[in-house]
PDB file of all heavy atoms in Angstrom:
ATOM      1  N   THR A   1       0.842  -1.194   0.000  1.00  0.00           N
ATOM      2  CA  THR A   1       0.000   0.000   0.000  1.00  0.00           C
ATOM      3  C   THR A   1       0.872   1.237   0.000  1.00  0.00           C
ATOM      4  O   THR A   1       1.807   1.352   0.790  1.00  0.00           O
ATOM      5  CB  THR A   1      -0.928   0.013   1.227  1.00  0.00           C
ATOM      6  OG1 THR A   1      -1.729  -1.171   1.214  1.00  0.00           O
ATOM      7  CG2 THR A   1      -1.833   1.233   1.201  1.00  0.00           C
ATOM      8  N   GLY A   2       0.567   2.157  -0.912  1.00  0.00           N
ATOM      9  CA  GLY A   2       1.348   3.375  -1.025  1.00  0.00           C
ATOM     10  C   GLY A   2       0.909   4.434  -0.027  1.00  0.00           C
ATOM     11  O   GLY A   2      -0.058   4.267   0.727  1.00  0.00           O
ATOM     12  N   LEU A   3       1.612   5.574  -0.041  1.00  0.00           N
ATOM     13  CA  LEU A   3       1.299   6.664   0.880  1.00  0.00           C
ATOM     14  C   LEU A   3      -0.046   7.302   0.589  1.00  0.00           C
ATOM     15  O   LEU A   3      -0.617   7.985   1.448  1.00  0.00           O
ATOM     16  CB  LEU A   3       2.397   7.737   0.803  1.00  0.00           C
ATOM     17  CG  LEU A   3       3.787   7.316   1.283  1.00  0.00           C
ATOM     18  CD1 LEU A   3       4.769   8.450   1.086  1.00  0.00           C
ATOM     19  CD2 LEU A   3       3.757   6.886   2.740  1.00  0.00           C
ATOM     20  N   ASP A   4      -0.551   7.090  -0.638  1.00  0.00           N
ATOM     21  CA  ASP A   4      -1.867   7.636  -0.970  1.00  0.00           C
ATOM     22  C   ASP A   4      -3.000   6.706  -0.579  1.00  0.00           C
ATOM     23  O   ASP A   4      -4.167   6.961  -0.889  1.00  0.00           O
ATOM     24  CB  ASP A   4      -1.953   7.956  -2.465  1.00  0.00           C
ATOM     25  CG  ASP A   4      -1.650   6.740  -3.342  1.00  0.00           C
ATOM     26  OD1 ASP A   4      -1.393   5.650  -2.784  1.00  0.00           O
ATOM     27  OD2 ASP A   4      -1.666   6.888  -4.572  1.00  0.00           O
ATOM     28  N   GLY A   5      -2.660   5.601   0.118  1.00  0.00           N
ATOM     29  CA  GLY A   5      -3.673   4.658   0.573  1.00  0.00           C
ATOM     30  C   GLY A   5      -4.107   3.657  -0.475  1.00  0.00           C
ATOM     31  O   GLY A   5      -4.944   2.797  -0.207  1.00  0.00           O
ATOM     32  N   GLU A   6      -3.538   3.744  -1.684  1.00  0.00           N
ATOM     33  CA  GLU A   6      -3.893   2.847  -2.769  1.00  0.00           C
ATOM     34  C   GLU A   6      -2.864   1.723  -2.882  1.00  0.00           C
ATOM     35  O   GLU A   6      -1.698   1.896  -2.541  1.00  0.00           O
ATOM     36  CB  GLU A   6      -3.959   3.616  -4.095  1.00  0.00           C
ATOM     37  CG  GLU A   6      -4.953   4.764  -4.106  1.00  0.00           C
ATOM     38  CD  GLU A   6      -6.391   4.279  -4.058  1.00  0.00           C
ATOM     39  OE1 GLU A   6      -6.641   3.164  -4.544  1.00  0.00           O
ATOM     40  OE2 GLU A   6      -7.248   5.020  -3.549  1.00  0.00           O
ATOM     41  N   HIS A   7      -3.318   0.550  -3.413  1.00  0.00           N
ATOM     42  CA  HIS A   7      -2.381  -0.531  -3.669  1.00  0.00           C
ATOM     43  C   HIS A   7      -1.422  -0.112  -4.772  1.00  0.00           C
ATOM     44  O   HIS A   7      -1.843   0.395  -5.818  1.00  0.00           O
ATOM     45  CB  HIS A   7      -3.116  -1.804  -4.087  1.00  0.00           C
ATOM     46  CG  HIS A   7      -3.720  -2.555  -2.933  1.00  0.00           C
ATOM     47  ND1 HIS A   7      -2.972  -2.984  -1.871  1.00  0.00           N
ATOM     48  CD2 HIS A   7      -4.994  -2.940  -2.675  1.00  0.00           C
ATOM     49  CE1 HIS A   7      -3.759  -3.603  -1.001  1.00  0.00           C
ATOM     50  NE2 HIS A   7      -4.992  -3.578  -1.464  1.00  0.00           N
ATOM     51  N   ASP A   8      -0.139  -0.296  -4.528  1.00  0.00           N
ATOM     52  CA  ASP A   8       0.866   0.035  -5.532  1.00  0.00           C
ATOM     53  C   ASP A   8       1.105  -1.172  -6.427  1.00  0.00           C
ATOM     54  O   ASP A   8       0.747  -2.298  -6.080  1.00  0.00           O
ATOM     55  CB  ASP A   8       2.176   0.469  -4.863  1.00  0.00           C
ATOM     56  CG  ASP A   8       3.010   1.353  -5.766  1.00  0.00           C
ATOM     57  OD1 ASP A   8       3.670   0.805  -6.660  1.00  0.00           O
ATOM     58  OD2 ASP A   8       2.984   2.578  -5.587  1.00  0.00           O
ATOM     59  N   THR A   9       1.721  -0.933  -7.570  1.00  0.00           N
ATOM     60  CA  THR A   9       1.960  -2.002  -8.525  1.00  0.00           C
ATOM     61  C   THR A   9       3.293  -1.781  -9.220  1.00  0.00           C
ATOM     62  O   THR A   9       3.763  -0.639  -9.335  1.00  0.00           O
ATOM     63  CB  THR A   9       0.839  -2.065  -9.582  1.00  0.00           C
ATOM     64  OG1 THR A   9       1.193  -3.034 -10.581  1.00  0.00           O
ATOM     65  CG2 THR A   9       0.667  -0.709 -10.271  1.00  0.00           C
ATOM     66  N   LEU A  10       3.908  -2.861  -9.686  1.00  0.00           N
ATOM     67  CA  LEU A  10       5.140  -2.783 -10.474  1.00  0.00           C
ATOM     68  C   LEU A  10       4.842  -2.906 -11.968  1.00  0.00           C
ATOM     69  O   LEU A  10       5.753  -3.130 -12.761  1.00  0.00           O
ATOM     70  CB  LEU A  10       6.116  -3.884 -10.040  1.00  0.00           C
ATOM     71  CG  LEU A  10       6.727  -3.698  -8.647  1.00  0.00           C
ATOM     72  CD1 LEU A  10       7.571  -4.915  -8.271  1.00  0.00           C
ATOM     73  CD2 LEU A  10       7.571  -2.436  -8.574  1.00  0.00           C
ATOM     74  N   ARG A  11       3.591  -2.744 -12.337  1.00  0.00           N
ATOM     75  CA  ARG A  11       3.218  -2.848 -13.747  1.00  0.00           C
ATOM     76  C   ARG A  11       3.988  -1.818 -14.574  1.00  0.00           C
ATOM     77  O   ARG A  11       4.007  -0.641 -14.273  1.00  0.00           O
ATOM     78  CB  ARG A  11       1.715  -2.609 -13.913  1.00  0.00           C
ATOM     79  CG  ARG A  11       1.220  -2.719 -15.348  1.00  0.00           C
ATOM     80  CD  ARG A  11      -0.295  -2.560 -15.412  1.00  0.00           C
ATOM     81  NE  ARG A  11      -0.775  -2.613 -16.781  1.00  0.00           N
ATOM     82  CZ  ARG A  11      -0.922  -1.532 -17.547  1.00  0.00           C
ATOM     83  NH1 ARG A  11      -0.617  -0.345 -17.065  1.00  0.00           N
ATOM     84  NH2 ARG A  11      -1.360  -1.637 -18.783  1.00  0.00           N
ATOM     85  N   GLY A  12       4.636  -2.277 -15.629  1.00  0.00           N
ATOM     86  CA  GLY A  12       5.389  -1.394 -16.505  1.00  0.00           C
ATOM     87  C   GLY A  12       6.801  -1.116 -16.037  1.00  0.00           C
ATOM     88  O   GLY A  12       7.579  -0.479 -16.753  1.00  0.00           O
ATOM     89  N   TYR A  13       7.183  -1.579 -14.838  1.00  0.00           N
ATOM     90  CA  TYR A  13       8.527  -1.353 -14.302  1.00  0.00           C
ATOM     91  C   TYR A  13       9.531  -2.152 -15.124  1.00  0.00           C
ATOM     92  O   TYR A  13       9.396  -3.359 -15.265  1.00  0.00           O
ATOM     93  CB  TYR A  13       8.542  -1.786 -12.837  1.00  0.00           C
ATOM     94  CG  TYR A  13       9.825  -1.559 -12.080  1.00  0.00           C
ATOM     95  CD1 TYR A  13      10.569  -0.397 -12.234  1.00  0.00           C
ATOM     96  CD2 TYR A  13      10.273  -2.513 -11.172  1.00  0.00           C
ATOM     97  CE1 TYR A  13      11.722  -0.192 -11.508  1.00  0.00           C
ATOM     98  CE2 TYR A  13      11.421  -2.314 -10.432  1.00  0.00           C
ATOM     99  CZ  TYR A  13      12.154  -1.153 -10.606  1.00  0.00           C
ATOM    100  OH  TYR A  13      13.302  -0.951  -9.889  1.00  0.00           O
ATOM    101  N   ARG A  14      10.542  -1.489 -15.672  1.00  0.00           N
ATOM    102  CA  ARG A  14      11.468  -2.164 -16.571  1.00  0.00           C
ATOM    103  C   ARG A  14      12.812  -1.438 -16.595  1.00  0.00           C
ATOM    104  O   ARG A  14      12.915  -0.276 -16.208  1.00  0.00           O
ATOM    105  CB  ARG A  14      10.895  -2.207 -17.989  1.00  0.00           C
ATOM    106  CG  ARG A  14      10.726  -0.844 -18.633  1.00  0.00           C
ATOM    107  CD  ARG A  14       9.824  -0.906 -19.848  1.00  0.00           C
ATOM    108  NE  ARG A  14       9.777   0.344 -20.567  1.00  0.00           N
ATOM    109  CZ  ARG A  14       9.055   1.398 -20.213  1.00  0.00           C
ATOM    110  NH1 ARG A  14       8.318   1.337 -19.116  1.00  0.00           N
ATOM    111  NH2 ARG A  14       9.063   2.501 -20.927  1.00  0.00           N
ATOM    112  N   SER A  15      13.815  -2.152 -17.092  1.00  0.00           N
ATOM    113  CA  SER A  15      15.149  -1.578 -17.251  1.00  0.00           C
ATOM    114  C   SER A  15      15.417  -1.303 -18.720  1.00  0.00           C
ATOM    115  O   SER A  15      14.849  -1.955 -19.599  1.00  0.00           O
ATOM    116  CB  SER A  15      16.196  -2.555 -16.702  1.00  0.00           C
ATOM    117  OG  SER A  15      17.501  -2.074 -16.961  1.00  0.00           O
ATOM    118  N   VAL A  16      16.313  -0.341 -18.989  1.00  0.00           N
ATOM    119  CA  VAL A  16      16.626   0.001 -20.375  1.00  0.00           C
ATOM    120  C   VAL A  16      17.969  -0.568 -20.817  1.00  0.00           C
ATOM    121  O   VAL A  16      18.365  -0.382 -21.964  1.00  0.00           O
ATOM    122  CB  VAL A  16      16.631   1.532 -20.570  1.00  0.00           C
ATOM    123  CG1 VAL A  16      15.258   2.099 -20.333  1.00  0.00           C
ATOM    124  CG2 VAL A  16      17.655   2.205 -19.654  1.00  0.00           C
ATOM    125  N   THR A  17      18.689  -1.248 -19.930  1.00  0.00           N
ATOM    126  CA  THR A  17      19.991  -1.807 -20.291  1.00  0.00           C
ATOM    127  C   THR A  17      20.022  -3.305 -19.991  1.00  0.00           C
ATOM    128  O   THR A  17      19.248  -3.808 -19.166  1.00  0.00           O
ATOM    129  CB  THR A  17      21.125  -1.119 -19.512  1.00  0.00           C
ATOM    130  OG1 THR A  17      20.914  -1.321 -18.097  1.00  0.00           O
ATOM    131  CG2 THR A  17      21.163   0.364 -19.792  1.00  0.00           C
ATOM    132  N   ARG A  18      20.926  -3.984 -20.663  1.00  0.00           N
ATOM    133  CA  ARG A  18      21.103  -5.422 -20.445  1.00  0.00           C
ATOM    134  C   ARG A  18      22.541  -5.706 -20.029  1.00  0.00           C
ATOM    135  O   ARG A  18      23.450  -4.917 -20.296  1.00  0.00           O
ATOM    136  CB  ARG A  18      20.742  -6.220 -21.700  1.00  0.00           C
ATOM    137  CG  ARG A  18      19.236  -6.276 -21.944  1.00  0.00           C
ATOM    138  CD  ARG A  18      18.866  -7.252 -23.040  1.00  0.00           C
ATOM    139  NE  ARG A  18      17.419  -7.417 -23.114  1.00  0.00           N
ATOM    140  CZ  ARG A  18      16.731  -8.356 -22.479  1.00  0.00           C
ATOM    141  NH1 ARG A  18      17.362  -9.235 -21.730  1.00  0.00           N
ATOM    142  NH2 ARG A  18      15.415  -8.434 -22.598  1.00  0.00           N
ATOM    143  N   GLY A  19      22.717  -6.852 -19.381  1.00  0.00           N
ATOM    144  CA  GLY A  19      24.043  -7.224 -18.918  1.00  0.00           C
ATOM    145  C   GLY A  19      24.084  -8.693 -18.565  1.00  0.00           C
ATOM    146  O   GLY A  19      23.249  -9.484 -18.997  1.00  0.00           O
ATOM    147  N   GLY A  20      25.052  -9.057 -17.735  1.00  0.00           N
ATOM    148  CA  GLY A  20      25.205 -10.451 -17.352  1.00  0.00           C
ATOM    149  C   GLY A  20      24.192 -10.878 -16.308  1.00  0.00           C
ATOM    150  O   GLY A  20      23.645 -10.061 -15.565  1.00  0.00           O
ATOM    151  N   VAL A  21      23.941 -12.180 -16.248  1.00  0.00           N
ATOM    152  CA  VAL A  21      23.025 -12.735 -15.255  1.00  0.00           C
ATOM    153  C   VAL A  21      23.710 -12.739 -13.889  1.00  0.00           C
ATOM    154  O   VAL A  21      24.874 -13.126 -13.776  1.00  0.00           O
ATOM    155  CB  VAL A  21      22.615 -14.170 -15.641  1.00  0.00           C
ATOM    156  CG1 VAL A  21      21.765 -14.806 -14.546  1.00  0.00           C
ATOM    157  CG2 VAL A  21      21.868 -14.163 -16.966  1.00  0.00           C
ATOM    158  N   PRO A  22      23.049 -12.274 -12.825  1.00  0.00           N
ATOM    159  CA  PRO A  22      23.653 -12.309 -11.491  1.00  0.00           C
ATOM    160  C   PRO A  22      24.071 -13.728 -11.110  1.00  0.00           C
ATOM    161  O   PRO A  22      23.381 -14.704 -11.436  1.00  0.00           O
ATOM    162  CB  PRO A  22      22.531 -11.800 -10.577  1.00  0.00           C
ATOM    163  CG  PRO A  22      21.653 -10.994 -11.469  1.00  0.00           C
ATOM    164  CD  PRO A  22      21.703 -11.658 -12.802  1.00  0.00           C
ATOM    165  N   GLU A  23      25.186 -13.824 -10.410  1.00  0.00           N
ATOM    166  CA  GLU A  23      25.707 -15.129  -9.992  1.00  0.00           C
ATOM    167  C   GLU A  23      25.373 -15.372  -8.523  1.00  0.00           C
ATOM    168  O   GLU A  23      25.511 -14.474  -7.691  1.00  0.00           O
ATOM    169  CB  GLU A  23      27.220 -15.169 -10.177  1.00  0.00           C
ATOM    170  CG  GLU A  23      27.851 -16.471  -9.716  1.00  0.00           C
ATOM    171  CD  GLU A  23      29.358 -16.453  -9.786  1.00  0.00           C
ATOM    172  OE1 GLU A  23      29.915 -15.521 -10.393  1.00  0.00           O
ATOM    173  OE2 GLU A  23      29.984 -17.378  -9.213  1.00  0.00           O
ATOM    174  N   VAL A  24      24.915 -16.574  -8.214  1.00  0.00           N
ATOM    175  CA  VAL A  24      24.673 -16.975  -6.832  1.00  0.00           C
ATOM    176  C   VAL A  24      25.617 -18.125  -6.506  1.00  0.00           C
ATOM    177  O   VAL A  24      25.557 -19.185  -7.132  1.00  0.00           O
ATOM    178  CB  VAL A  24      23.214 -17.416  -6.612  1.00  0.00           C
ATOM    179  CG1 VAL A  24      23.011 -17.840  -5.159  1.00  0.00           C
ATOM    180  CG2 VAL A  24      22.249 -16.298  -6.976  1.00  0.00           C
ATOM    181  N   ALA A  25      26.503 -17.901  -5.542  1.00  0.00           N
ATOM    182  CA  ALA A  25      27.514 -18.902  -5.194  1.00  0.00           C
ATOM    183  C   ALA A  25      27.192 -19.525  -3.840  1.00  0.00           C
ATOM    184  O   ALA A  25      26.918 -18.813  -2.864  1.00  0.00           O
ATOM    185  CB  ALA A  25      28.898 -18.261  -5.163  1.00  0.00           C
ATOM    186  N   ALA A  26      27.212 -20.857  -3.791  1.00  0.00           N
ATOM    187  CA  ALA A  26      26.962 -21.593  -2.549  1.00  0.00           C
ATOM    188  C   ALA A  26      28.289 -22.096  -1.978  1.00  0.00           C
ATOM    189  O   ALA A  26      29.163 -22.553  -2.729  1.00  0.00           O
ATOM    190  CB  ALA A  26      26.030 -22.766  -2.816  1.00  0.00           C
ATOM    191  N   HIS A  27      28.432 -22.014  -0.645  1.00  0.00           N
ATOM    192  CA  HIS A  27      29.671 -22.435   0.005  1.00  0.00           C
ATOM    193  C   HIS A  27      29.351 -23.297   1.224  1.00  0.00           C
ATOM    194  O   HIS A  27      28.294 -23.141   1.848  1.00  0.00           O
ATOM    195  CB  HIS A  27      30.496 -21.228   0.424  1.00  0.00           C
ATOM    196  CG  HIS A  27      30.874 -20.339  -0.722  1.00  0.00           C
ATOM    197  ND1 HIS A  27      31.926 -20.614  -1.569  1.00  0.00           N
ATOM    198  CD2 HIS A  27      30.301 -19.188  -1.181  1.00  0.00           C
ATOM    199  CE1 HIS A  27      32.002 -19.660  -2.492  1.00  0.00           C
ATOM    200  NE2 HIS A  27      31.033 -18.795  -2.283  1.00  0.00           N
ATOM    201  N   ALA A  28      30.268 -24.164   1.542  1.00  0.00           N
ATOM    202  CA  ALA A  28      30.051 -25.088   2.654  1.00  0.00           C
ATOM    203  C   ALA A  28      30.111 -24.384   4.002  1.00  0.00           C
ATOM    204  O   ALA A  28      29.426 -24.771   4.947  1.00  0.00           O
ATOM    205  CB  ALA A  28      31.077 -26.216   2.602  1.00  0.00           C
ATOM    206  N   ASP A  29      30.958 -23.366   4.119  1.00  0.00           N
ATOM    207  CA  ASP A  29      31.059 -22.642   5.387  1.00  0.00           C
ATOM    208  C   ASP A  29      31.447 -21.191   5.116  1.00  0.00           C
ATOM    209  O   ASP A  29      31.771 -20.810   3.986  1.00  0.00           O
ATOM    210  CB  ASP A  29      32.062 -23.301   6.335  1.00  0.00           C
ATOM    211  CG  ASP A  29      33.461 -23.413   5.729  1.00  0.00           C
ATOM    212  OD1 ASP A  29      33.971 -22.407   5.214  1.00  0.00           O
ATOM    213  OD2 ASP A  29      34.034 -24.519   5.771  1.00  0.00           O
ATOM    214  N   ARG A  30      31.421 -20.379   6.186  1.00  0.00           N
ATOM    215  CA  ARG A  30      31.655 -18.946   6.033  1.00  0.00           C
ATOM    216  C   ARG A  30      33.080 -18.647   5.579  1.00  0.00           C
ATOM    217  O   ARG A  30      33.295 -17.712   4.782  1.00  0.00           O
ATOM    218  CB  ARG A  30      31.363 -18.225   7.347  1.00  0.00           C
ATOM    219  CG  ARG A  30      31.446 -16.703   7.250  1.00  0.00           C
ATOM    220  CD  ARG A  30      30.252 -16.114   6.508  1.00  0.00           C
ATOM    221  NE  ARG A  30      29.051 -16.163   7.309  1.00  0.00           N
ATOM    222  CZ  ARG A  30      27.843 -16.345   6.835  1.00  0.00           C
ATOM    223  NH1 ARG A  30      27.652 -16.518   5.535  1.00  0.00           N
ATOM    224  NH2 ARG A  30      26.778 -16.379   7.628  1.00  0.00           N
TER     225      ARG A  30
END
């Protein structure tokens, strides 16, 4: 809910640039 009391939406939210896919790395310990 936004500050105007209405439900907000991400409709139309987009980026104008492209790049690499984010990497997620898993590790056995810290």
